[in-house]
Amino acid sequence: MENLIMALQIFLKYGNPDYPTHCEHDELIVMIEPSLVSHDDTETLSSLGFLPNISDHVFHSYRYGSA
């Protein structure tokens, strides 16, 4: 849980959308534009399980999207 909260705090630096997440089968999607996120934060987010999806303009995680 701690890593998820840490990732969400990083995402908050780049926006506070009304609908920040979307879930699909085994995937949690965070509606933050990857091009806005610094290189260092992108690396940290990657280590926390969130990868940028440049073509869809979001970050996604298979670590937190599955029960």
PDB file of N, CA and C in Angstrom:
ATOM      1  N   MET A   1       0.831  -1.188   0.000  1.00  0.00           N
ATOM      2  CA  MET A   1       0.000   0.000   0.000  1.00  0.00           C
ATOM      3  C   MET A   1       0.880   1.259   0.000  1.00  0.00           C
ATOM      4  N   GLU A   2       1.986   1.208   0.722  1.00  0.00           N
ATOM      5  CA  GLU A   2       2.873   2.371   0.819  1.00  0.00           C
ATOM      6  C   GLU A   2       3.382   2.810  -0.555  1.00  0.00           C
ATOM      7  N   ASN A   3       3.758   1.853  -1.407  1.00  0.00           N
ATOM      8  CA  ASN A   3       4.260   2.197  -2.739  1.00  0.00           C
ATOM      9  C   ASN A   3       3.168   2.807  -3.613  1.00  0.00           C
ATOM     10  N   LEU A   4       1.948   2.320  -3.490  1.00  0.00           N
ATOM     11  CA  LEU A   4       0.839   2.885  -4.240  1.00  0.00           C
ATOM     12  C   LEU A   4       0.596   4.338  -3.818  1.00  0.00           C
ATOM     13  N   ILE A   5       0.614   4.592  -2.539  1.00  0.00           N
ATOM     14  CA  ILE A   5       0.411   5.956  -2.034  1.00  0.00           C
ATOM     15  C   ILE A   5       1.546   6.865  -2.492  1.00  0.00           C
ATOM     16  N   MET A   6       2.776   6.365  -2.475  1.00  0.00           N
ATOM     17  CA  MET A   6       3.920   7.154  -2.932  1.00  0.00           C
ATOM     18  C   MET A   6       3.748   7.518  -4.416  1.00  0.00           C
ATOM     19  N   ALA A   7       3.312   6.561  -5.216  1.00  0.00           N
ATOM     20  CA  ALA A   7       3.099   6.824  -6.644  1.00  0.00           C
ATOM     21  C   ALA A   7       1.999   7.863  -6.839  1.00  0.00           C
ATOM     22  N   LEU A   8       0.910   7.739  -6.107  1.00  0.00           N
ATOM     23  CA  LEU A   8      -0.182   8.703  -6.241  1.00  0.00           C
ATOM     24  C   LEU A   8       0.246  10.110  -5.833  1.00  0.00           C
ATOM     25  N   GLN A   9       1.128  10.220  -4.859  1.00  0.00           N
ATOM     26  CA  GLN A   9       1.636  11.536  -4.462  1.00  0.00           C
ATOM     27  C   GLN A   9       2.484  12.145  -5.576  1.00  0.00           C
ATOM     28  N   ILE A  10       3.238  11.321  -6.278  1.00  0.00           N
ATOM     29  CA  ILE A  10       4.010  11.823  -7.427  1.00  0.00           C
ATOM     30  C   ILE A  10       3.053  12.287  -8.517  1.00  0.00           C
ATOM     31  N   PHE A  11       2.047  11.476  -8.831  1.00  0.00           N
ATOM     32  CA  PHE A  11       1.080  11.867  -9.859  1.00  0.00           C
ATOM     33  C   PHE A  11       0.395  13.186  -9.515  1.00  0.00           C
ATOM     34  N   LEU A  12       0.107  13.416  -8.257  1.00  0.00           N
ATOM     35  CA  LEU A  12      -0.571  14.635  -7.831  1.00  0.00           C
ATOM     36  C   LEU A  12       0.220  15.891  -8.193  1.00  0.00           C
ATOM     37  N   LYS A  13       1.534  15.793  -8.282  1.00  0.00           N
ATOM     38  CA  LYS A  13       2.365  16.937  -8.677  1.00  0.00           C
ATOM     39  C   LYS A  13       2.053  17.393 -10.098  1.00  0.00           C
ATOM     40  N   TYR A  14       1.491  16.487 -10.907  1.00  0.00           N
ATOM     41  CA  TYR A  14       1.280  16.760 -12.330  1.00  0.00           C
ATOM     42  C   TYR A  14      -0.186  16.944 -12.709  1.00  0.00           C
ATOM     43  N   GLY A  15      -1.042  17.013 -11.738  1.00  0.00           N
ATOM     44  CA  GLY A  15      -2.440  17.263 -12.023  1.00  0.00           C
ATOM     45  C   GLY A  15      -3.335  16.645 -10.966  1.00  0.00           C
ATOM     46  N   ASN A  16      -4.560  17.120 -10.940  1.00  0.00           N
ATOM     47  CA  ASN A  16      -5.546  16.634  -9.978  1.00  0.00           C
ATOM     48  C   ASN A  16      -6.880  16.444 -10.713  1.00  0.00           C
ATOM     49  N   PRO A  17      -6.904  15.483 -11.672  1.00  0.00           N
ATOM     50  CA  PRO A  17      -8.125  15.308 -12.461  1.00  0.00           C
ATOM     51  C   PRO A  17      -9.296  14.838 -11.609  1.00  0.00           C
ATOM     52  N   ASP A  18     -10.496  15.211 -12.031  1.00  0.00           N
ATOM     53  CA  ASP A  18     -11.703  14.786 -11.307  1.00  0.00           C
ATOM     54  C   ASP A  18     -11.855  13.265 -11.311  1.00  0.00           C
ATOM     55  N   TYR A  19     -11.455  12.641 -12.389  1.00  0.00           N
ATOM     56  CA  TYR A  19     -11.544  11.185 -12.531  1.00  0.00           C
ATOM     57  C   TYR A  19     -10.135  10.662 -12.830  1.00  0.00           C
ATOM     58  N   PRO A  20      -9.309  10.467 -11.796  1.00  0.00           N
ATOM     59  CA  PRO A  20      -7.887  10.207 -11.999  1.00  0.00           C
ATOM     60  C   PRO A  20      -7.523   8.790 -12.406  1.00  0.00           C
ATOM     61  N   THR A  21      -8.422   7.836 -12.204  1.00  0.00           N
ATOM     62  CA  THR A  21      -8.056   6.448 -12.507  1.00  0.00           C
ATOM     63  C   THR A  21      -9.149   5.758 -13.319  1.00  0.00           C
ATOM     64  N   HIS A  22      -8.720   4.683 -13.938  1.00  0.00           N
ATOM     65  CA  HIS A  22      -9.623   3.829 -14.702  1.00  0.00           C
ATOM     66  C   HIS A  22      -9.116   2.405 -14.523  1.00  0.00           C
ATOM     67  N   CYS A  23     -10.006   1.475 -14.309  1.00  0.00           N
ATOM     68  CA  CYS A  23      -9.605   0.076 -14.127  1.00  0.00           C
ATOM     69  C   CYS A  23     -10.143  -0.778 -15.255  1.00  0.00           C
ATOM     70  N   GLU A  24      -9.289  -1.665 -15.719  1.00  0.00           N
ATOM     71  CA  GLU A  24      -9.672  -2.702 -16.661  1.00  0.00           C
ATOM     72  C   GLU A  24      -9.142  -4.013 -16.101  1.00  0.00           C
ATOM     73  N   HIS A  25      -9.411  -5.082 -16.773  1.00  0.00           N
ATOM     74  CA  HIS A  25      -8.980  -6.392 -16.285  1.00  0.00           C
ATOM     75  C   HIS A  25      -7.469  -6.393 -16.042  1.00  0.00           C
ATOM     76  N   ASP A  26      -7.077  -6.552 -14.784  1.00  0.00           N
ATOM     77  CA  ASP A  26      -5.670  -6.644 -14.370  1.00  0.00           C
ATOM     78  C   ASP A  26      -4.848  -5.385 -14.647  1.00  0.00           C
ATOM     79  N   GLU A  27      -5.486  -4.244 -14.805  1.00  0.00           N
ATOM     80  CA  GLU A  27      -4.748  -3.021 -15.117  1.00  0.00           C
ATOM     81  C   GLU A  27      -5.379  -1.813 -14.439  1.00  0.00           C
ATOM     82  N   LEU A  28      -4.544  -1.028 -13.749  1.00  0.00           N
ATOM     83  CA  LEU A  28      -4.957   0.250 -13.187  1.00  0.00           C
ATOM     84  C   LEU A  28      -4.346   1.344 -14.053  1.00  0.00           C
ATOM     85  N   ILE A  29      -5.170   2.250 -14.542  1.00  0.00           N
ATOM     86  CA  ILE A  29      -4.727   3.323 -15.424  1.00  0.00           C
ATOM     87  C   ILE A  29      -4.864   4.651 -14.675  1.00  0.00           C
ATOM     88  N   VAL A  30      -3.811   5.459 -14.735  1.00  0.00           N
ATOM     89  CA  VAL A  30      -3.816   6.785 -14.103  1.00  0.00           C
ATOM     90  C   VAL A  30      -3.776   7.824 -15.220  1.00  0.00           C
ATOM     91  N   MET A  31      -4.736   8.723 -15.187  1.00  0.00           N
ATOM     92  CA  MET A  31      -4.946   9.688 -16.258  1.00  0.00           C
ATOM     93  C   MET A  31      -4.037  10.912 -16.123  1.00  0.00           C
ATOM     94  N   ILE A  32      -2.747  10.672 -16.153  1.00  0.00           N
ATOM     95  CA  ILE A  32      -1.748  11.751 -16.135  1.00  0.00           C
ATOM     96  C   ILE A  32      -0.922  11.620 -17.396  1.00  0.00           C
ATOM     97  N   GLU A  33      -0.750  12.718 -18.105  1.00  0.00           N
ATOM     98  CA  GLU A  33       0.004  12.752 -19.360  1.00  0.00           C
ATOM     99  C   GLU A  33       1.495  12.479 -19.095  1.00  0.00           C
ATOM    100  N   PRO A  34       2.053  11.393 -19.632  1.00  0.00           N
ATOM    101  CA  PRO A  34       3.450  11.052 -19.378  1.00  0.00           C
ATOM    102  C   PRO A  34       4.458  12.122 -19.799  1.00  0.00           C
ATOM    103  N   SER A  35       4.147  12.872 -20.860  1.00  0.00           N
ATOM    104  CA  SER A  35       5.104  13.881 -21.323  1.00  0.00           C
ATOM    105  C   SER A  35       5.273  15.029 -20.324  1.00  0.00           C
ATOM    106  N   LEU A  36       4.350  15.177 -19.391  1.00  0.00           N
ATOM    107  CA  LEU A  36       4.456  16.227 -18.370  1.00  0.00           C
ATOM    108  C   LEU A  36       5.325  15.817 -17.183  1.00  0.00           C
ATOM    109  N   VAL A  37       5.558  14.525 -17.030  1.00  0.00           N
ATOM    110  CA  VAL A  37       6.236  13.988 -15.849  1.00  0.00           C
ATOM    111  C   VAL A  37       7.747  13.992 -16.080  1.00  0.00           C
ATOM    112  N   SER A  38       8.497  14.463 -15.094  1.00  0.00           N
ATOM    113  CA  SER A  38       9.950  14.540 -15.221  1.00  0.00           C
ATOM    114  C   SER A  38      10.553  13.146 -15.402  1.00  0.00           C
ATOM    115  N   HIS A  39      11.734  13.125 -15.971  1.00  0.00           N
ATOM    116  CA  HIS A  39      12.442  11.860 -16.188  1.00  0.00           C
ATOM    117  C   HIS A  39      12.662  11.131 -14.867  1.00  0.00           C
ATOM    118  N   ASP A  40      13.105  11.847 -13.842  1.00  0.00           N
ATOM    119  CA  ASP A  40      13.350  11.225 -12.539  1.00  0.00           C
ATOM    120  C   ASP A  40      12.075  10.640 -11.946  1.00  0.00           C
ATOM    121  N   ASP A  41      10.965  11.378 -12.035  1.00  0.00           N
ATOM    122  CA  ASP A  41       9.695  10.868 -11.505  1.00  0.00           C
ATOM    123  C   ASP A  41       9.197   9.680 -12.323  1.00  0.00           C
ATOM    124  N   THR A  42       9.419   9.699 -13.639  1.00  0.00           N
ATOM    125  CA  THR A  42       9.027   8.559 -14.473  1.00  0.00           C
ATOM    126  C   THR A  42       9.801   7.310 -14.066  1.00  0.00           C
ATOM    127  N   GLU A  43      11.084   7.465 -13.782  1.00  0.00           N
ATOM    128  CA  GLU A  43      11.877   6.322 -13.323  1.00  0.00           C
ATOM    129  C   GLU A  43      11.380   5.816 -11.968  1.00  0.00           C
ATOM    130  N   THR A  44      11.079   6.727 -11.062  1.00  0.00           N
ATOM    131  CA  THR A  44      10.553   6.325  -9.750  1.00  0.00           C
ATOM    132  C   THR A  44       9.218   5.619  -9.904  1.00  0.00           C
ATOM    133  N   LEU A  45       8.337   6.176 -10.729  1.00  0.00           N
ATOM    134  CA  LEU A  45       7.038   5.551 -10.957  1.00  0.00           C
ATOM    135  C   LEU A  45       7.196   4.158 -11.561  1.00  0.00           C
ATOM    136  N   SER A  46       8.152   4.011 -12.453  1.00  0.00           N
ATOM    137  CA  SER A  46       8.412   2.701 -13.037  1.00  0.00           C
ATOM    138  C   SER A  46       8.825   1.696 -11.964  1.00  0.00           C
ATOM    139  N   SER A  47       9.674   2.125 -11.051  1.00  0.00           N
ATOM    140  CA  SER A  47      10.103   1.226  -9.973  1.00  0.00           C
ATOM    141  C   SER A  47       8.953   0.901  -9.025  1.00  0.00           C
ATOM    142  N   LEU A  48       7.947   1.762  -8.997  1.00  0.00           N
ATOM    143  CA  LEU A  48       6.766   1.542  -8.160  1.00  0.00           C
ATOM    144  C   LEU A  48       5.669   0.775  -8.890  1.00  0.00           C
ATOM    145  N   GLY A  49       5.908   0.453 -10.160  1.00  0.00           N
ATOM    146  CA  GLY A  49       4.970  -0.373 -10.903  1.00  0.00           C
ATOM    147  C   GLY A  49       4.095   0.347 -11.907  1.00  0.00           C
ATOM    148  N   PHE A  50       4.370   1.628 -12.195  1.00  0.00           N
ATOM    149  CA  PHE A  50       3.571   2.393 -13.153  1.00  0.00           C
ATOM    150  C   PHE A  50       4.421   2.742 -14.370  1.00  0.00           C
ATOM    151  N   LEU A  51       3.968   2.305 -15.529  1.00  0.00           N
ATOM    152  CA  LEU A  51       4.694   2.540 -16.765  1.00  0.00           C
ATOM    153  C   LEU A  51       3.948   3.546 -17.631  1.00  0.00           C
ATOM    154  N   PRO A  52       4.682   4.426 -18.323  1.00  0.00           N
ATOM    155  CA  PRO A  52       4.004   5.382 -19.200  1.00  0.00           C
ATOM    156  C   PRO A  52       3.503   4.690 -20.463  1.00  0.00           C
ATOM    157  N   ASN A  53       2.337   5.092 -20.911  1.00  0.00           N
ATOM    158  CA  ASN A  53       1.797   4.652 -22.184  1.00  0.00           C
ATOM    159  C   ASN A  53       1.643   5.914 -23.026  1.00  0.00           C
ATOM    160  N   ILE A  54       2.667   6.191 -23.809  1.00  0.00           N
ATOM    161  CA  ILE A  54       2.741   7.453 -24.562  1.00  0.00           C
ATOM    162  C   ILE A  54       1.579   7.575 -25.546  1.00  0.00           C
ATOM    163  N   SER A  55       1.242   6.492 -26.236  1.00  0.00           N
ATOM    164  CA  SER A  55       0.196   6.581 -27.266  1.00  0.00           C
ATOM    165  C   SER A  55      -1.186   6.843 -26.675  1.00  0.00           C
ATOM    166  N   ASP A  56      -1.440   6.366 -25.448  1.00  0.00           N
ATOM    167  CA  ASP A  56      -2.738   6.599 -24.808  1.00  0.00           C
ATOM    168  C   ASP A  56      -2.720   7.774 -23.839  1.00  0.00           C
ATOM    169  N   HIS A  57      -1.531   8.393 -23.622  1.00  0.00           N
ATOM    170  CA  HIS A  57      -1.378   9.570 -22.769  1.00  0.00           C
ATOM    171  C   HIS A  57      -1.731   9.286 -21.311  1.00  0.00           C
ATOM    172  N   VAL A  58      -1.324   8.126 -20.808  1.00  0.00           N
ATOM    173  CA  VAL A  58      -1.628   7.705 -19.440  1.00  0.00           C
ATOM    174  C   VAL A  58      -0.457   6.890 -18.878  1.00  0.00           C
ATOM    175  N   PHE A  59      -0.542   6.578 -17.598  1.00  0.00           N
ATOM    176  CA  PHE A  59       0.335   5.594 -16.974  1.00  0.00           C
ATOM    177  C   PHE A  59      -0.519   4.379 -16.640  1.00  0.00           C
ATOM    178  N   HIS A  60       0.094   3.203 -16.662  1.00  0.00           N
ATOM    179  CA  HIS A  60      -0.668   2.013 -16.304  1.00  0.00           C
ATOM    180  C   HIS A  60       0.167   1.095 -15.427  1.00  0.00           C
ATOM    181  N   SER A  61      -0.534   0.274 -14.666  1.00  0.00           N
ATOM    182  CA  SER A  61       0.120  -0.672 -13.768  1.00  0.00           C
ATOM    183  C   SER A  61      -0.628  -2.004 -13.785  1.00  0.00           C
ATOM    184  N   TYR A  62       0.125  -3.071 -13.929  1.00  0.00           N
ATOM    185  CA  TYR A  62      -0.432  -4.404 -13.791  1.00  0.00           C
ATOM    186  C   TYR A  62      -0.251  -4.898 -12.361  1.00  0.00           C
ATOM    187  N   ARG A  63       0.582  -4.212 -11.590  1.00  0.00           N
ATOM    188  CA  ARG A  63       0.813  -4.588 -10.192  1.00  0.00           C
ATOM    189  C   ARG A  63      -0.397  -4.265  -9.310  1.00  0.00           C
ATOM    190  N   TYR A  64      -1.028  -3.125  -9.564  1.00  0.00           N
ATOM    191  CA  TYR A  64      -2.129  -2.670  -8.715  1.00  0.00           C
ATOM    192  C   TYR A  64      -3.498  -2.889  -9.340  1.00  0.00           C
ATOM    193  N   GLY A  65      -3.539  -3.371 -10.569  1.00  0.00           N
ATOM    194  CA  GLY A  65      -4.819  -3.550 -11.233  1.00  0.00           C
ATOM    195  C   GLY A  65      -5.399  -4.940 -11.076  1.00  0.00           C
ATOM    196  N   SER A  66      -4.739  -5.763 -10.307  1.00  0.00           N
ATOM    197  CA  SER A  66      -5.155  -7.145 -10.173  1.00  0.00           C
ATOM    198  C   SER A  66      -5.386  -7.484  -8.710  1.00  0.00           C
ATOM    199  N   ALA A  67      -6.369  -8.298  -8.443  1.00  0.00           N
ATOM    200  CA  ALA A  67      -6.664  -8.676  -7.050  1.00  0.00           C
ATOM    201  C   ALA A  67      -5.940  -9.933  -6.664  1.00  0.00           C
TER     202      ALA A  67
END
